[in-house]
Amino acid sequence: MADKKYILSKETAEKKLRRMALEVAERNYGEQQLILVGIKENGSIIANKVSKFLKDVFKGEVIVVTLSLDKKHPAAITIEPCIDFNDKVILLIDDVANSGKTMLYALKPLLESYPKKIQTLALLERTHKSFPIDVDYVGLSISTTLDEHIFVEVEGAEVVGAWMQ
């Protein structure tokens, strides 16, 4: 445990997720529905947390779905449950935005429909983009070296912290 350099505590992560939910509600004021697409595993947990906070501040319907893909070789992508994304407002969610690759590939099945708009959310964002993904809602943006890695720790349905190695 001594080699873990914590950058977010459970309490701070909770505050950041709550703040991002408020921003999502503000920027999507007047929308009837939001579809939160959580990238499995941690992105799904974050999507469910954001959904919980949105229920207090967003008047429309909030639907959470899970997107699964192999982050190293993202050819096969599945979405559960399968729903219609046509003319919908979609929020694509992951725990950490590193190079932008995972989010870029995750957009592929969403773009096979004709969504009204797609926004992105990440609890943590690094500054090493290799792909043209801009994260709309960021909990914490952190500069790292290329050989440093960020890990988001979860227990059950809770984000318990984030650390760097």
C-alpha atoms as a PDB file:
ATOM      1  CA  MET A   1       0.000   0.000   0.000  1.00  0.00           C
ATOM      2  CA  ALA A   2       2.914   2.372   0.632  1.00  0.00           C
ATOM      3  CA  ASP A   3       3.663   2.708  -3.106  1.00  0.00           C
ATOM      4  CA  LYS A   4       0.160   4.052  -3.841  1.00  0.00           C
ATOM      5  CA  LYS A   5       0.124   7.815  -4.262  1.00  0.00           C
ATOM      6  CA  TYR A   6      -3.524   8.740  -3.675  1.00  0.00           C
ATOM      7  CA  ILE A   7      -4.846  11.643  -5.734  1.00  0.00           C
ATOM      8  CA  LEU A   8      -8.546  11.304  -4.807  1.00  0.00           C
ATOM      9  CA  SER A   9     -10.199  10.162  -1.608  1.00  0.00           C
ATOM     10  CA  LYS A  10     -13.664   8.621  -1.482  1.00  0.00           C
ATOM     11  CA  GLU A  11     -15.100  11.913  -0.179  1.00  0.00           C
ATOM     12  CA  THR A  12     -13.415  14.008  -2.878  1.00  0.00           C
ATOM     13  CA  ALA A  13     -14.479  11.597  -5.635  1.00  0.00           C
ATOM     14  CA  GLU A  14     -18.057  11.801  -4.340  1.00  0.00           C
ATOM     15  CA  LYS A  15     -17.969  15.631  -4.416  1.00  0.00           C
ATOM     16  CA  LYS A  16     -16.564  15.647  -7.940  1.00  0.00           C
ATOM     17  CA  LEU A  17     -19.213  13.197  -9.194  1.00  0.00           C
ATOM     18  CA  ARG A  18     -21.962  15.299  -7.594  1.00  0.00           C
ATOM     19  CA  ARG A  19     -20.556  18.485  -9.171  1.00  0.00           C
ATOM     20  CA  MET A  20     -20.334  16.837 -12.602  1.00  0.00           C
ATOM     21  CA  ALA A  21     -23.958  15.647 -12.286  1.00  0.00           C
ATOM     22  CA  LEU A  22     -25.006  19.259 -11.606  1.00  0.00           C
ATOM     23  CA  GLU A  23     -23.077  20.409 -14.695  1.00  0.00           C
ATOM     24  CA  VAL A  24     -24.712  17.683 -16.804  1.00  0.00           C
ATOM     25  CA  ALA A  25     -28.156  18.774 -15.588  1.00  0.00           C
ATOM     26  CA  GLU A  26     -27.372  22.440 -16.323  1.00  0.00           C
ATOM     27  CA  ARG A  27     -26.033  21.793 -19.828  1.00  0.00           C
ATOM     28  CA  ASN A  28     -28.960  19.523 -20.660  1.00  0.00           C
ATOM     29  CA  TYR A  29     -31.712  21.626 -19.137  1.00  0.00           C
ATOM     30  CA  GLY A  30     -34.968  21.051 -20.998  1.00  0.00           C
ATOM     31  CA  GLU A  31     -34.031  17.619 -22.332  1.00  0.00           C
ATOM     32  CA  GLN A  32     -36.614  14.903 -21.742  1.00  0.00           C
ATOM     33  CA  GLN A  33     -34.123  12.058 -21.413  1.00  0.00           C
ATOM     34  CA  LEU A  34     -30.436  11.351 -20.848  1.00  0.00           C
ATOM     35  CA  ILE A  35     -28.791   8.041 -21.671  1.00  0.00           C
ATOM     36  CA  LEU A  36     -25.682   7.387 -19.592  1.00  0.00           C
ATOM     37  CA  VAL A  37     -23.368   4.895 -21.291  1.00  0.00           C
ATOM     38  CA  GLY A  38     -20.879   3.561 -18.743  1.00  0.00           C
ATOM     39  CA  ILE A  39     -17.775   1.826 -20.088  1.00  0.00           C
ATOM     40  CA  LYS A  40     -17.436  -1.430 -18.152  1.00  0.00           C
ATOM     41  CA  GLU A  41     -16.276  -1.870 -15.299  1.00  0.00           C
ATOM     42  CA  ASN A  42     -15.469   1.378 -13.517  1.00  0.00           C
ATOM     43  CA  GLY A  43     -17.224   3.607 -16.062  1.00  0.00           C
ATOM     44  CA  SER A  44     -20.453   1.731 -15.318  1.00  0.00           C
ATOM     45  CA  ILE A  45     -20.060   2.292 -11.588  1.00  0.00           C
ATOM     46  CA  ILE A  46     -19.434   5.997 -12.195  1.00  0.00           C
ATOM     47  CA  ALA A  47     -22.453   6.155 -14.555  1.00  0.00           C
ATOM     48  CA  ASN A  48     -24.672   4.710 -11.821  1.00  0.00           C
ATOM     49  CA  LYS A  49     -23.314   7.195  -9.250  1.00  0.00           C
ATOM     50  CA  VAL A  50     -23.877  10.131 -11.640  1.00  0.00           C
ATOM     51  CA  SER A  51     -27.378   8.798 -12.365  1.00  0.00           C
ATOM     52  CA  LYS A  52     -28.142   8.771  -8.625  1.00  0.00           C
ATOM     53  CA  PHE A  53     -27.040  12.411  -8.299  1.00  0.00           C
ATOM     54  CA  LEU A  54     -28.922  13.415 -11.478  1.00  0.00           C
ATOM     55  CA  LYS A  55     -32.200  12.105 -10.059  1.00  0.00           C
ATOM     56  CA  ASP A  56     -32.102  15.004  -7.552  1.00  0.00           C
ATOM     57  CA  VAL A  57     -31.456  17.765 -10.102  1.00  0.00           C
ATOM     58  CA  PHE A  58     -32.560  16.591 -13.579  1.00  0.00           C
ATOM     59  CA  LYS A  59     -36.256  16.673 -14.425  1.00  0.00           C
ATOM     60  CA  GLY A  60     -36.135  14.196 -17.329  1.00  0.00           C
ATOM     61  CA  GLU A  61     -35.657  10.438 -17.454  1.00  0.00           C
ATOM     62  CA  VAL A  62     -32.173   9.012 -16.851  1.00  0.00           C
ATOM     63  CA  ILE A  63     -31.315   5.631 -18.392  1.00  0.00           C
ATOM     64  CA  VAL A  64     -28.046   3.807 -17.650  1.00  0.00           C
ATOM     65  CA  VAL A  65     -26.588   1.240 -20.048  1.00  0.00           C
ATOM     66  CA  THR A  66     -23.265  -0.600 -19.990  1.00  0.00           C
ATOM     67  CA  LEU A  67     -20.820  -0.686 -22.879  1.00  0.00           C
ATOM     68  CA  SER A  68     -18.278  -3.529 -22.904  1.00  0.00           C
ATOM     69  CA  LEU A  69     -15.098  -3.645 -24.957  1.00  0.00           C
ATOM     70  CA  ASP A  70     -11.545  -4.926 -24.743  1.00  0.00           C
ATOM     71  CA  LYS A  71      -9.626  -1.724 -24.028  1.00  0.00           C
ATOM     72  CA  LYS A  72      -6.436  -3.011 -25.657  1.00  0.00           C
ATOM     73  CA  HIS A  73      -8.112  -4.411 -28.818  1.00  0.00           C
ATOM     74  CA  PRO A  74     -11.541  -2.749 -29.010  1.00  0.00           C
ATOM     75  CA  ALA A  75     -13.020  -4.490 -32.047  1.00  0.00           C
ATOM     76  CA  ALA A  76     -16.044  -6.206 -30.462  1.00  0.00           C
ATOM     77  CA  ILE A  77     -18.295  -3.827 -28.544  1.00  0.00           C
ATOM     78  CA  THR A  78     -21.554  -4.716 -26.813  1.00  0.00           C
ATOM     79  CA  ILE A  79     -24.178  -2.533 -25.143  1.00  0.00           C
ATOM     80  CA  GLU A  80     -26.531  -3.905 -22.488  1.00  0.00           C
ATOM     81  CA  PRO A  81     -29.429  -3.416 -22.594  1.00  0.00           C
ATOM     82  CA  CYS A  82     -29.675  -2.737 -26.311  1.00  0.00           C
ATOM     83  CA  ILE A  83     -31.612   0.499 -26.851  1.00  0.00           C
ATOM     84  CA  ASP A  84     -32.393   3.016 -29.583  1.00  0.00           C
ATOM     85  CA  PHE A  85     -29.955   5.959 -29.619  1.00  0.00           C
ATOM     86  CA  ASN A  86     -31.703   7.861 -32.442  1.00  0.00           C
ATOM     87  CA  ASP A  87     -32.376  11.499 -31.523  1.00  0.00           C
ATOM     88  CA  LYS A  88     -31.193  10.841 -27.932  1.00  0.00           C
ATOM     89  CA  VAL A  89     -28.816  12.749 -25.669  1.00  0.00           C
ATOM     90  CA  ILE A  90     -25.963  10.418 -24.727  1.00  0.00           C
ATOM     91  CA  LEU A  91     -23.352  10.822 -22.020  1.00  0.00           C
ATOM     92  CA  LEU A  92     -20.389   8.456 -22.509  1.00  0.00           C
ATOM     93  CA  ILE A  93     -18.683   7.774 -19.162  1.00  0.00           C
ATOM     94  CA  ASP A  94     -15.341   6.246 -18.145  1.00  0.00           C
ATOM     95  CA  ASP A  95     -13.196   6.401 -15.031  1.00  0.00           C
ATOM     96  CA  VAL A  96      -9.966   7.692 -16.577  1.00  0.00           C
ATOM     97  CA  ALA A  97      -9.415   9.372 -19.939  1.00  0.00           C
ATOM     98  CA  ASN A  98      -5.845   8.514 -20.900  1.00  0.00           C
ATOM     99  CA  SER A  99      -5.105   8.581 -24.622  1.00  0.00           C
ATOM    100  CA  GLY A 100      -8.740   8.918 -25.714  1.00  0.00           C
ATOM    101  CA  LYS A 101      -8.641   5.530 -27.475  1.00  0.00           C
ATOM    102  CA  THR A 102     -11.272   3.756 -25.357  1.00  0.00           C
ATOM    103  CA  MET A 103     -13.784   6.596 -25.654  1.00  0.00           C
ATOM    104  CA  LEU A 104     -13.147   6.957 -29.379  1.00  0.00           C
ATOM    105  CA  TYR A 105     -13.850   3.272 -30.021  1.00  0.00           C
ATOM    106  CA  ALA A 106     -16.822   3.354 -27.654  1.00  0.00           C
ATOM    107  CA  LEU A 107     -18.372   6.031 -29.894  1.00  0.00           C
ATOM    108  CA  LYS A 108     -18.543   3.632 -32.856  1.00  0.00           C
ATOM    109  CA  PRO A 109     -21.795   1.801 -31.967  1.00  0.00           C
ATOM    110  CA  LEU A 110     -23.348   5.068 -30.785  1.00  0.00           C
ATOM    111  CA  LEU A 111     -22.680   6.654 -34.177  1.00  0.00           C
ATOM    112  CA  GLU A 112     -24.394   3.792 -35.992  1.00  0.00           C
ATOM    113  CA  SER A 113     -27.588   5.598 -34.882  1.00  0.00           C
ATOM    114  CA  TYR A 114     -28.290   9.289 -35.222  1.00  0.00           C
ATOM    115  CA  PRO A 115     -28.067  10.704 -31.694  1.00  0.00           C
ATOM    116  CA  LYS A 116     -29.135  14.266 -30.925  1.00  0.00           C
ATOM    117  CA  LYS A 117     -25.849  14.861 -29.084  1.00  0.00           C
ATOM    118  CA  ILE A 118     -23.038  12.953 -27.412  1.00  0.00           C
ATOM    119  CA  GLN A 119     -21.104  14.260 -24.421  1.00  0.00           C
ATOM    120  CA  THR A 120     -18.250  12.658 -22.489  1.00  0.00           C
ATOM    121  CA  LEU A 121     -17.480  12.420 -18.774  1.00  0.00           C
ATOM    122  CA  ALA A 122     -14.430  11.068 -16.929  1.00  0.00           C
ATOM    123  CA  LEU A 123     -13.642  11.182 -13.239  1.00  0.00           C
ATOM    124  CA  LEU A 124      -9.957  11.702 -14.086  1.00  0.00           C
ATOM    125  CA  GLU A 125      -8.281  12.988 -17.224  1.00  0.00           C
ATOM    126  CA  ARG A 126      -4.622  12.724 -18.133  1.00  0.00           C
ATOM    127  CA  THR A 127      -2.886  15.072 -20.503  1.00  0.00           C
ATOM    128  CA  HIS A 128      -1.586  12.467 -22.981  1.00  0.00           C
ATOM    129  CA  LYS A 129      -4.142  12.454 -25.788  1.00  0.00           C
ATOM    130  CA  SER A 130      -3.300  10.336 -28.822  1.00  0.00           C
ATOM    131  CA  PHE A 131      -6.871  10.363 -30.156  1.00  0.00           C
ATOM    132  CA  PRO A 132      -9.136  13.369 -30.805  1.00  0.00           C
ATOM    133  CA  ILE A 133     -11.392  13.038 -27.757  1.00  0.00           C
ATOM    134  CA  ASP A 134     -12.233  16.042 -25.624  1.00  0.00           C
ATOM    135  CA  VAL A 135     -13.856  15.235 -22.284  1.00  0.00           C
ATOM    136  CA  ASP A 136     -16.813  17.547 -21.582  1.00  0.00           C
ATOM    137  CA  TYR A 137     -17.076  16.863 -17.840  1.00  0.00           C
ATOM    138  CA  VAL A 138     -13.889  16.187 -15.857  1.00  0.00           C
ATOM    139  CA  GLY A 139     -13.607  15.549 -12.139  1.00  0.00           C
ATOM    140  CA  LEU A 140      -9.840  16.079 -11.980  1.00  0.00           C
ATOM    141  CA  SER A 141      -7.354  16.778 -14.758  1.00  0.00           C
ATOM    142  CA  ILE A 142      -3.849  15.688 -13.853  1.00  0.00           C
ATOM    143  CA  SER A 143      -0.505  15.943 -15.611  1.00  0.00           C
ATOM    144  CA  THR A 144       1.417  12.703 -15.511  1.00  0.00           C
ATOM    145  CA  THR A 145       4.494  11.287 -17.157  1.00  0.00           C
ATOM    146  CA  LEU A 146       3.940   8.708 -19.880  1.00  0.00           C
ATOM    147  CA  ASP A 147       5.042   5.871 -17.597  1.00  0.00           C
ATOM    148  CA  GLU A 148       2.752   6.848 -14.711  1.00  0.00           C
ATOM    149  CA  HIS A 149      -0.656   5.198 -14.506  1.00  0.00           C
ATOM    150  CA  ILE A 150      -3.861   6.207 -12.754  1.00  0.00           C
ATOM    151  CA  PHE A 151      -6.092   3.638 -11.088  1.00  0.00           C
ATOM    152  CA  VAL A 152      -9.616   4.234  -9.831  1.00  0.00           C
ATOM    153  CA  GLU A 153     -10.492   1.968  -6.907  1.00  0.00           C
ATOM    154  CA  VAL A 154     -14.037   0.750  -6.504  1.00  0.00           C
ATOM    155  CA  GLU A 155     -15.740  -1.452  -3.934  1.00  0.00           C
ATOM    156  CA  GLY A 156     -19.179  -2.665  -4.894  1.00  0.00           C
ATOM    157  CA  ALA A 157     -21.052   0.350  -6.268  1.00  0.00           C
ATOM    158  CA  GLU A 158     -18.770   2.938  -4.646  1.00  0.00           C
ATOM    159  CA  VAL A 159     -15.695   4.804  -5.859  1.00  0.00           C
ATOM    160  CA  VAL A 160     -13.311   4.605  -2.904  1.00  0.00           C
ATOM    161  CA  GLY A 161     -10.416   6.605  -4.354  1.00  0.00           C
ATOM    162  CA  ALA A 162      -7.877   7.009  -7.108  1.00  0.00           C
ATOM    163  CA  TRP A 163      -4.117   6.636  -7.045  1.00  0.00           C
ATOM    164  CA  MET A 164      -1.127   6.989  -9.276  1.00  0.00           C
ATOM    165  CA  GLN A 165       1.774   4.628  -9.831  1.00  0.00           C
END
